[in-house]
Amino acid sequence: MDFNDQLRRYFGTDDPTTISPGALESGLEKMRVDLGMEKDPGRRFALWALMYMFGQAPDLDVAFKDEAEREAARNFLDLLDRSS
């Protein structure tokens, strides 16, 4: 999943600074639905990570039933913390 493709798919733009409040809420709602329906672990992780960047990701234990997937998400969070 390409980051810019996901921005265009859910928010209609690949520039996060131009997302209107209405488009943001609508896009996040679509992401919540897609996350709940997605079966592919990689795609679920990509959706969750984008939601996290917008401050709207569900808790790890809700988003990921598999411990290995939760650990990958924790590693992602650690990498983000270190880059800040």
PDB file of N, CA and C in Angstrom:
ATOM      1  N   MET A   1       0.843  -1.180   0.000  1.00  0.00           N
ATOM      2  CA  MET A   1       0.000   0.000   0.000  1.00  0.00           C
ATOM      3  C   MET A   1       0.891   1.245   0.000  1.00  0.00           C
ATOM      4  N   ASP A   2       0.742   2.042  -0.996  1.00  0.00           N
ATOM      5  CA  ASP A   2       1.488   3.276  -1.116  1.00  0.00           C
ATOM      6  C   ASP A   2       0.788   4.377  -0.299  1.00  0.00           C
ATOM      7  N   PHE A   3       1.573   5.113   0.476  1.00  0.00           N
ATOM      8  CA  PHE A   3       1.041   6.156   1.347  1.00  0.00           C
ATOM      9  C   PHE A   3       0.207   7.181   0.571  1.00  0.00           C
ATOM     10  N   ASN A   4       0.750   7.689  -0.530  1.00  0.00           N
ATOM     11  CA  ASN A   4       0.013   8.686  -1.316  1.00  0.00           C
ATOM     12  C   ASN A   4      -1.264   8.112  -1.909  1.00  0.00           C
ATOM     13  N   ASP A   5      -1.223   6.854  -2.335  1.00  0.00           N
ATOM     14  CA  ASP A   5      -2.432   6.215  -2.849  1.00  0.00           C
ATOM     15  C   ASP A   5      -3.508   6.136  -1.774  1.00  0.00           C
ATOM     16  N   GLN A   6      -3.090   5.817  -0.559  1.00  0.00           N
ATOM     17  CA  GLN A   6      -4.057   5.730   0.536  1.00  0.00           C
ATOM     18  C   GLN A   6      -4.656   7.099   0.868  1.00  0.00           C
ATOM     19  N   LEU A   7      -3.814   8.128   0.856  1.00  0.00           N
ATOM     20  CA  LEU A   7      -4.337   9.478   1.089  1.00  0.00           C
ATOM     21  C   LEU A   7      -5.367   9.849   0.024  1.00  0.00           C
ATOM     22  N   ARG A   8      -5.063   9.557  -1.225  1.00  0.00           N
ATOM     23  CA  ARG A   8      -6.013   9.866  -2.305  1.00  0.00           C
ATOM     24  C   ARG A   8      -7.286   9.038  -2.161  1.00  0.00           C
ATOM     25  N   ARG A   9      -7.134   7.780  -1.803  1.00  0.00           N
ATOM     26  CA  ARG A   9      -8.310   6.906  -1.692  1.00  0.00           C
ATOM     27  C   ARG A   9      -9.266   7.377  -0.598  1.00  0.00           C
ATOM     28  N   TYR A  10      -8.713   7.720   0.555  1.00  0.00           N
ATOM     29  CA  TYR A  10      -9.579   8.042   1.693  1.00  0.00           C
ATOM     30  C   TYR A  10      -9.897   9.527   1.838  1.00  0.00           C
ATOM     31  N   PHE A  11      -9.014  10.393   1.321  1.00  0.00           N
ATOM     32  CA  PHE A  11      -9.209  11.828   1.557  1.00  0.00           C
ATOM     33  C   PHE A  11      -9.278  12.660   0.283  1.00  0.00           C
ATOM     34  N   GLY A  12      -9.090  12.022  -0.874  1.00  0.00           N
ATOM     35  CA  GLY A  12      -9.216  12.733  -2.132  1.00  0.00           C
ATOM     36  C   GLY A  12      -8.034  13.612  -2.489  1.00  0.00           C
ATOM     37  N   THR A  13      -6.934  13.494  -1.788  1.00  0.00           N
ATOM     38  CA  THR A  13      -5.727  14.270  -2.058  1.00  0.00           C
ATOM     39  C   THR A  13      -4.520  13.517  -1.532  1.00  0.00           C
ATOM     40  N   ASP A  14      -3.362  13.802  -2.100  1.00  0.00           N
ATOM     41  CA  ASP A  14      -2.146  13.200  -1.542  1.00  0.00           C
ATOM     42  C   ASP A  14      -1.363  14.213  -0.716  1.00  0.00           C
ATOM     43  N   ASP A  15      -1.973  15.365  -0.443  1.00  0.00           N
ATOM     44  CA  ASP A  15      -1.359  16.392   0.392  1.00  0.00           C
ATOM     45  C   ASP A  15      -2.159  16.522   1.689  1.00  0.00           C
ATOM     46  N   PRO A  16      -1.648  15.965   2.782  1.00  0.00           N
ATOM     47  CA  PRO A  16      -2.409  15.982   4.041  1.00  0.00           C
ATOM     48  C   PRO A  16      -2.755  17.389   4.530  1.00  0.00           C
ATOM     49  N   THR A  17      -2.003  18.387   4.122  1.00  0.00           N
ATOM     50  CA  THR A  17      -2.286  19.751   4.588  1.00  0.00           C
ATOM     51  C   THR A  17      -3.517  20.351   3.931  1.00  0.00           C
ATOM     52  N   THR A  18      -4.030  19.708   2.881  1.00  0.00           N
ATOM     53  CA  THR A  18      -5.204  20.249   2.180  1.00  0.00           C
ATOM     54  C   THR A  18      -6.491  19.492   2.500  1.00  0.00           C
ATOM     55  N   ILE A  19      -6.444  18.551   3.418  1.00  0.00           N
ATOM     56  CA  ILE A  19      -7.643  17.769   3.755  1.00  0.00           C
ATOM     57  C   ILE A  19      -8.578  18.631   4.598  1.00  0.00           C
ATOM     58  N   SER A  20      -9.788  18.792   4.112  1.00  0.00           N
ATOM     59  CA  SER A  20     -10.780  19.578   4.852  1.00  0.00           C
ATOM     60  C   SER A  20     -11.277  18.768   6.049  1.00  0.00           C
ATOM     61  N   PRO A  21     -11.826  19.443   7.065  1.00  0.00           N
ATOM     62  CA  PRO A  21     -12.351  18.706   8.226  1.00  0.00           C
ATOM     63  C   PRO A  21     -13.404  17.664   7.846  1.00  0.00           C
ATOM     64  N   GLY A  22     -14.282  18.007   6.915  1.00  0.00           N
ATOM     65  CA  GLY A  22     -15.308  17.052   6.493  1.00  0.00           C
ATOM     66  C   GLY A  22     -14.719  15.848   5.790  1.00  0.00           C
ATOM     67  N   ALA A  23     -13.733  16.100   4.916  1.00  0.00           N
ATOM     68  CA  ALA A  23     -13.074  14.997   4.213  1.00  0.00           C
ATOM     69  C   ALA A  23     -12.291  14.130   5.189  1.00  0.00           C
ATOM     70  N   LEU A  24     -11.710  14.755   6.207  1.00  0.00           N
ATOM     71  CA  LEU A  24     -10.966  13.995   7.216  1.00  0.00           C
ATOM     72  C   LEU A  24     -11.887  13.041   7.956  1.00  0.00           C
ATOM     73  N   GLU A  25     -13.004  13.550   8.433  1.00  0.00           N
ATOM     74  CA  GLU A  25     -13.937  12.699   9.180  1.00  0.00           C
ATOM     75  C   GLU A  25     -14.505  11.588   8.305  1.00  0.00           C
ATOM     76  N   SER A  26     -14.870  11.931   7.082  1.00  0.00           N
ATOM     77  CA  SER A  26     -15.404  10.933   6.151  1.00  0.00           C
ATOM     78  C   SER A  26     -14.359   9.869   5.823  1.00  0.00           C
ATOM     79  N   GLY A  27     -13.137  10.299   5.544  1.00  0.00           N
ATOM     80  CA  GLY A  27     -12.072   9.360   5.223  1.00  0.00           C
ATOM     81  C   GLY A  27     -11.744   8.441   6.378  1.00  0.00           C
ATOM     82  N   LEU A  28     -11.706   9.009   7.593  1.00  0.00           N
ATOM     83  CA  LEU A  28     -11.417   8.179   8.768  1.00  0.00           C
ATOM     84  C   LEU A  28     -12.524   7.161   9.014  1.00  0.00           C
ATOM     85  N   GLU A  29     -13.766   7.549   8.761  1.00  0.00           N
ATOM     86  CA  GLU A  29     -14.866   6.595   8.919  1.00  0.00           C
ATOM     87  C   GLU A  29     -14.730   5.449   7.920  1.00  0.00           C
ATOM     88  N   LYS A  30     -14.379   5.772   6.677  1.00  0.00           N
ATOM     89  CA  LYS A  30     -14.156   4.725   5.668  1.00  0.00           C
ATOM     90  C   LYS A  30     -13.013   3.807   6.088  1.00  0.00           C
ATOM     91  N   MET A  31     -11.972   4.390   6.670  1.00  0.00           N
ATOM     92  CA  MET A  31     -10.842   3.591   7.126  1.00  0.00           C
ATOM     93  C   MET A  31     -11.245   2.653   8.251  1.00  0.00           C
ATOM     94  N   ARG A  32     -12.067   3.146   9.182  1.00  0.00           N
ATOM     95  CA  ARG A  32     -12.529   2.278  10.281  1.00  0.00           C
ATOM     96  C   ARG A  32     -13.293   1.077   9.730  1.00  0.00           C
ATOM     97  N   VAL A  33     -14.156   1.341   8.755  1.00  0.00           N
ATOM     98  CA  VAL A  33     -14.928   0.248   8.144  1.00  0.00           C
ATOM     99  C   VAL A  33     -13.987  -0.723   7.432  1.00  0.00           C
ATOM    100  N   ASP A  34     -13.078  -0.188   6.626  1.00  0.00           N
ATOM    101  CA  ASP A  34     -12.145  -1.048   5.890  1.00  0.00           C
ATOM    102  C   ASP A  34     -11.263  -1.854   6.837  1.00  0.00           C
ATOM    103  N   LEU A  35     -10.808  -1.238   7.920  1.00  0.00           N
ATOM    104  CA  LEU A  35      -9.983  -1.962   8.892  1.00  0.00           C
ATOM    105  C   LEU A  35     -10.758  -3.134   9.482  1.00  0.00           C
ATOM    106  N   GLY A  36     -12.014  -2.918   9.766  1.00  0.00           N
ATOM    107  CA  GLY A  36     -12.838  -3.989  10.329  1.00  0.00           C
ATOM    108  C   GLY A  36     -13.104  -5.127   9.364  1.00  0.00           C
ATOM    109  N   MET A  37     -13.052  -4.833   8.077  1.00  0.00           N
ATOM    110  CA  MET A  37     -13.358  -5.849   7.069  1.00  0.00           C
ATOM    111  C   MET A  37     -12.117  -6.498   6.462  1.00  0.00           C
ATOM    112  N   GLU A  38     -10.980  -5.826   6.566  1.00  0.00           N
ATOM    113  CA  GLU A  38      -9.757  -6.308   5.911  1.00  0.00           C
ATOM    114  C   GLU A  38      -9.224  -7.575   6.580  1.00  0.00           C
ATOM    115  N   LYS A  39      -8.883  -8.575   5.773  1.00  0.00           N
ATOM    116  CA  LYS A  39      -8.354  -9.847   6.276  1.00  0.00           C
ATOM    117  C   LYS A  39      -6.844  -9.953   6.120  1.00  0.00           C
ATOM    118  N   ASP A  40      -6.283  -9.268   5.133  1.00  0.00           N
ATOM    119  CA  ASP A  40      -4.849  -9.351   4.876  1.00  0.00           C
ATOM    120  C   ASP A  40      -4.088  -8.598   5.972  1.00  0.00           C
ATOM    121  N   PRO A  41      -3.182  -9.269   6.689  1.00  0.00           N
ATOM    122  CA  PRO A  41      -2.472  -8.624   7.797  1.00  0.00           C
ATOM    123  C   PRO A  41      -1.676  -7.386   7.384  1.00  0.00           C
ATOM    124  N   GLY A  42      -1.031  -7.425   6.236  1.00  0.00           N
ATOM    125  CA  GLY A  42      -0.255  -6.277   5.783  1.00  0.00           C
ATOM    126  C   GLY A  42      -1.124  -5.066   5.485  1.00  0.00           C
ATOM    127  N   ARG A  43      -2.244  -5.304   4.856  1.00  0.00           N
ATOM    128  CA  ARG A  43      -3.169  -4.208   4.549  1.00  0.00           C
ATOM    129  C   ARG A  43      -3.797  -3.657   5.831  1.00  0.00           C
ATOM    130  N   ARG A  44      -4.124  -4.556   6.768  1.00  0.00           N
ATOM    131  CA  ARG A  44      -4.667  -4.096   8.060  1.00  0.00           C
ATOM    132  C   ARG A  44      -3.648  -3.215   8.778  1.00  0.00           C
ATOM    133  N   PHE A  45      -2.381  -3.643   8.742  1.00  0.00           N
ATOM    134  CA  PHE A  45      -1.339  -2.867   9.407  1.00  0.00           C
ATOM    135  C   PHE A  45      -1.197  -1.492   8.755  1.00  0.00           C
ATOM    136  N   ALA A  46      -1.204  -1.446   7.426  1.00  0.00           N
ATOM    137  CA  ALA A  46      -1.068  -0.166   6.718  1.00  0.00           C
ATOM    138  C   ALA A  46      -2.230   0.768   7.062  1.00  0.00           C
ATOM    139  N   LEU A  47      -3.431   0.238   7.104  1.00  0.00           N
ATOM    140  CA  LEU A  47      -4.589   1.061   7.483  1.00  0.00           C
ATOM    141  C   LEU A  47      -4.451   1.564   8.916  1.00  0.00           C
ATOM    142  N   TRP A  48      -4.089   0.669   9.811  1.00  0.00           N
ATOM    143  CA  TRP A  48      -3.926   1.060  11.214  1.00  0.00           C
ATOM    144  C   TRP A  48      -2.850   2.130  11.358  1.00  0.00           C
ATOM    145  N   ALA A  49      -1.720   1.971  10.658  1.00  0.00           N
ATOM    146  CA  ALA A  49      -0.618   2.929  10.750  1.00  0.00           C
ATOM    147  C   ALA A  49      -1.051   4.312  10.257  1.00  0.00           C
ATOM    148  N   LEU A  50      -1.791   4.362   9.161  1.00  0.00           N
ATOM    149  CA  LEU A  50      -2.277   5.649   8.664  1.00  0.00           C
ATOM    150  C   LEU A  50      -3.265   6.265   9.650  1.00  0.00           C
ATOM    151  N   MET A  51      -4.135   5.436  10.202  1.00  0.00           N
ATOM    152  CA  MET A  51      -5.067   5.937  11.213  1.00  0.00           C
ATOM    153  C   MET A  51      -4.302   6.468  12.432  1.00  0.00           C
ATOM    154  N   TYR A  52      -3.234   5.784  12.794  1.00  0.00           N
ATOM    155  CA  TYR A  52      -2.419   6.234  13.924  1.00  0.00           C
ATOM    156  C   TYR A  52      -1.833   7.615  13.645  1.00  0.00           C
ATOM    157  N   MET A  53      -1.368   7.819  12.431  1.00  0.00           N
ATOM    158  CA  MET A  53      -0.775   9.107  12.076  1.00  0.00           C
ATOM    159  C   MET A  53      -1.787  10.249  12.162  1.00  0.00           C
ATOM    160  N   PHE A  54      -3.053   9.916  12.013  1.00  0.00           N
ATOM    161  CA  PHE A  54      -4.113  10.911  12.145  1.00  0.00           C
ATOM    162  C   PHE A  54      -4.712  10.921  13.559  1.00  0.00           C
ATOM    163  N   GLY A  55      -4.108  10.158  14.466  1.00  0.00           N
ATOM    164  CA  GLY A  55      -4.573  10.145  15.849  1.00  0.00           C
ATOM    165  C   GLY A  55      -5.883   9.412  16.062  1.00  0.00           C
ATOM    166  N   GLN A  56      -6.211   8.487  15.166  1.00  0.00           N
ATOM    167  CA  GLN A  56      -7.503   7.806  15.233  1.00  0.00           C
ATOM    168  C   GLN A  56      -7.405   6.282  15.196  1.00  0.00           C
ATOM    169  N   ALA A  57      -6.253   5.737  15.505  1.00  0.00           N
ATOM    170  CA  ALA A  57      -6.087   4.276  15.456  1.00  0.00           C
ATOM    171  C   ALA A  57      -6.695   3.628  16.688  1.00  0.00           C
ATOM    172  N   PRO A  58      -7.360   2.495  16.494  1.00  0.00           N
ATOM    173  CA  PRO A  58      -7.840   1.751  17.658  1.00  0.00           C
ATOM    174  C   PRO A  58      -6.665   1.168  18.436  1.00  0.00           C
ATOM    175  N   ASP A  59      -6.902   0.811  19.683  1.00  0.00           N
ATOM    176  CA  ASP A  59      -5.868   0.186  20.508  1.00  0.00           C
ATOM    177  C   ASP A  59      -5.354  -1.084  19.832  1.00  0.00           C
ATOM    178  N   LEU A  60      -4.121  -1.424  20.141  1.00  0.00           N
ATOM    179  CA  LEU A  60      -3.481  -2.581  19.515  1.00  0.00           C
ATOM    180  C   LEU A  60      -4.268  -3.864  19.731  1.00  0.00           C
ATOM    181  N   ASP A  61      -4.780  -4.076  20.934  1.00  0.00           N
ATOM    182  CA  ASP A  61      -5.498  -5.321  21.211  1.00  0.00           C
ATOM    183  C   ASP A  61      -6.833  -5.389  20.479  1.00  0.00           C
ATOM    184  N   VAL A  62      -7.360  -4.250  20.062  1.00  0.00           N
ATOM    185  CA  VAL A  62      -8.593  -4.221  19.269  1.00  0.00           C
ATOM    186  C   VAL A  62      -8.268  -4.426  17.788  1.00  0.00           C
ATOM    187  N   ALA A  63      -7.219  -3.777  17.322  1.00  0.00           N
ATOM    188  CA  ALA A  63      -6.871  -3.819  15.900  1.00  0.00           C
ATOM    189  C   ALA A  63      -6.240  -5.137  15.482  1.00  0.00           C
ATOM    190  N   PHE A  64      -5.464  -5.745  16.378  1.00  0.00           N
ATOM    191  CA  PHE A  64      -4.693  -6.933  16.017  1.00  0.00           C
ATOM    192  C   PHE A  64      -4.928  -8.050  17.016  1.00  0.00           C
ATOM    193  N   LYS A  65      -5.495  -9.135  16.548  1.00  0.00           N
ATOM    194  CA  LYS A  65      -5.746 -10.285  17.425  1.00  0.00           C
ATOM    195  C   LYS A  65      -4.489 -11.126  17.611  1.00  0.00           C
ATOM    196  N   ASP A  66      -3.586 -11.083  16.641  1.00  0.00           N
ATOM    197  CA  ASP A  66      -2.371 -11.879  16.669  1.00  0.00           C
ATOM    198  C   ASP A  66      -1.259 -11.124  17.407  1.00  0.00           C
ATOM    199  N   GLU A  67      -0.592 -11.797  18.330  1.00  0.00           N
ATOM    200  CA  GLU A  67       0.470 -11.158  19.117  1.00  0.00           C
ATOM    201  C   GLU A  67       1.621 -10.660  18.236  1.00  0.00           C
ATOM    202  N   ALA A  68       1.960 -11.399  17.193  1.00  0.00           N
ATOM    203  CA  ALA A  68       3.041 -10.969  16.303  1.00  0.00           C
ATOM    204  C   ALA A  68       2.674  -9.660  15.597  1.00  0.00           C
ATOM    205  N   GLU A  69       1.425  -9.505  15.232  1.00  0.00           N
ATOM    206  CA  GLU A  69       0.975  -8.266  14.605  1.00  0.00           C
ATOM    207  C   GLU A  69       1.007  -7.115  15.607  1.00  0.00           C
ATOM    208  N   ARG A  70       0.620  -7.380  16.842  1.00  0.00           N
ATOM    209  CA  ARG A  70       0.695  -6.337  17.880  1.00  0.00           C
ATOM    210  C   ARG A  70       2.142  -5.932  18.123  1.00  0.00           C
ATOM    211  N   GLU A  71       3.043  -6.904  18.116  1.00  0.00           N
ATOM    212  CA  GLU A  71       4.461  -6.603  18.317  1.00  0.00           C
ATOM    213  C   GLU A  71       5.005  -5.768  17.162  1.00  0.00           C
ATOM    214  N   ALA A  72       4.602  -6.076  15.929  1.00  0.00           N
ATOM    215  CA  ALA A  72       5.020  -5.263  14.776  1.00  0.00           C
ATOM    216  C   ALA A  72       4.523  -3.829  14.929  1.00  0.00           C
ATOM    217  N   ALA A  73       3.315  -3.673  15.406  1.00  0.00           N
ATOM    218  CA  ALA A  73       2.767  -2.329  15.625  1.00  0.00           C
ATOM    219  C   ALA A  73       3.548  -1.602  16.726  1.00  0.00           C
ATOM    220  N   ARG A  74       3.907  -2.311  17.783  1.00  0.00           N
ATOM    221  CA  ARG A  74       4.722  -1.699  18.842  1.00  0.00           C
ATOM    222  C   ARG A  74       6.078  -1.257  18.300  1.00  0.00           C
ATOM    223  N   ASN A  75       6.683  -2.081  17.448  1.00  0.00           N
ATOM    224  CA  ASN A  75       7.956  -1.711  16.825  1.00  0.00           C
ATOM    225  C   ASN A  75       7.803  -0.460  15.974  1.00  0.00           C
ATOM    226  N   PHE A  76       6.709  -0.373  15.243  1.00  0.00           N
ATOM    227  CA  PHE A  76       6.420   0.811  14.443  1.00  0.00           C
ATOM    228  C   PHE A  76       6.320   2.050  15.340  1.00  0.00           C
ATOM    229  N   LEU A  77       5.617   1.922  16.442  1.00  0.00           N
ATOM    230  CA  LEU A  77       5.477   3.043  17.375  1.00  0.00           C
ATOM    231  C   LEU A  77       6.833   3.448  17.953  1.00  0.00           C
ATOM    232  N   ASP A  78       7.654   2.462  18.273  1.00  0.00           N
ATOM    233  CA  ASP A  78       9.004   2.753  18.782  1.00  0.00           C
ATOM    234  C   ASP A  78       9.837   3.509  17.745  1.00  0.00           C
ATOM    235  N   LEU A  79       9.740   3.089  16.495  1.00  0.00           N
ATOM    236  CA  LEU A  79      10.481   3.772  15.434  1.00  0.00           C
ATOM    237  C   LEU A  79      10.009   5.219  15.265  1.00  0.00           C
ATOM    238  N   LEU A  80       8.717   5.424  15.360  1.00  0.00           N
ATOM    239  CA  LEU A  80       8.190   6.795  15.278  1.00  0.00           C
ATOM    240  C   LEU A  80       8.689   7.640  16.442  1.00  0.00           C
ATOM    241  N   ASP A  81       8.697   7.067  17.636  1.00  0.00           N
ATOM    242  CA  ASP A  81       9.170   7.798  18.812  1.00  0.00           C
ATOM    243  C   ASP A  81      10.640   8.189  18.652  1.00  0.00           C
ATOM    244  N   ARG A  82      11.439   7.283  18.131  1.00  0.00           N
ATOM    245  CA  ARG A  82      12.871   7.550  17.973  1.00  0.00           C
ATOM    246  C   ARG A  82      13.141   8.602  16.898  1.00  0.00           C
ATOM    247  N   SER A  83      12.259   8.684  15.914  1.00  0.00           N
ATOM    248  CA  SER A  83      12.475   9.643  14.832  1.00  0.00           C
ATOM    249  C   SER A  83      12.021  11.049  15.205  1.00  0.00           C
ATOM    250  N   SER A  84      11.297  11.171  16.293  1.00  0.00           N
ATOM    251  CA  SER A  84      10.800  12.498  16.707  1.00  0.00           C
ATOM    252  C   SER A  84      11.843  13.292  17.428  1.00  0.00           C
TER     253      SER A  84
END
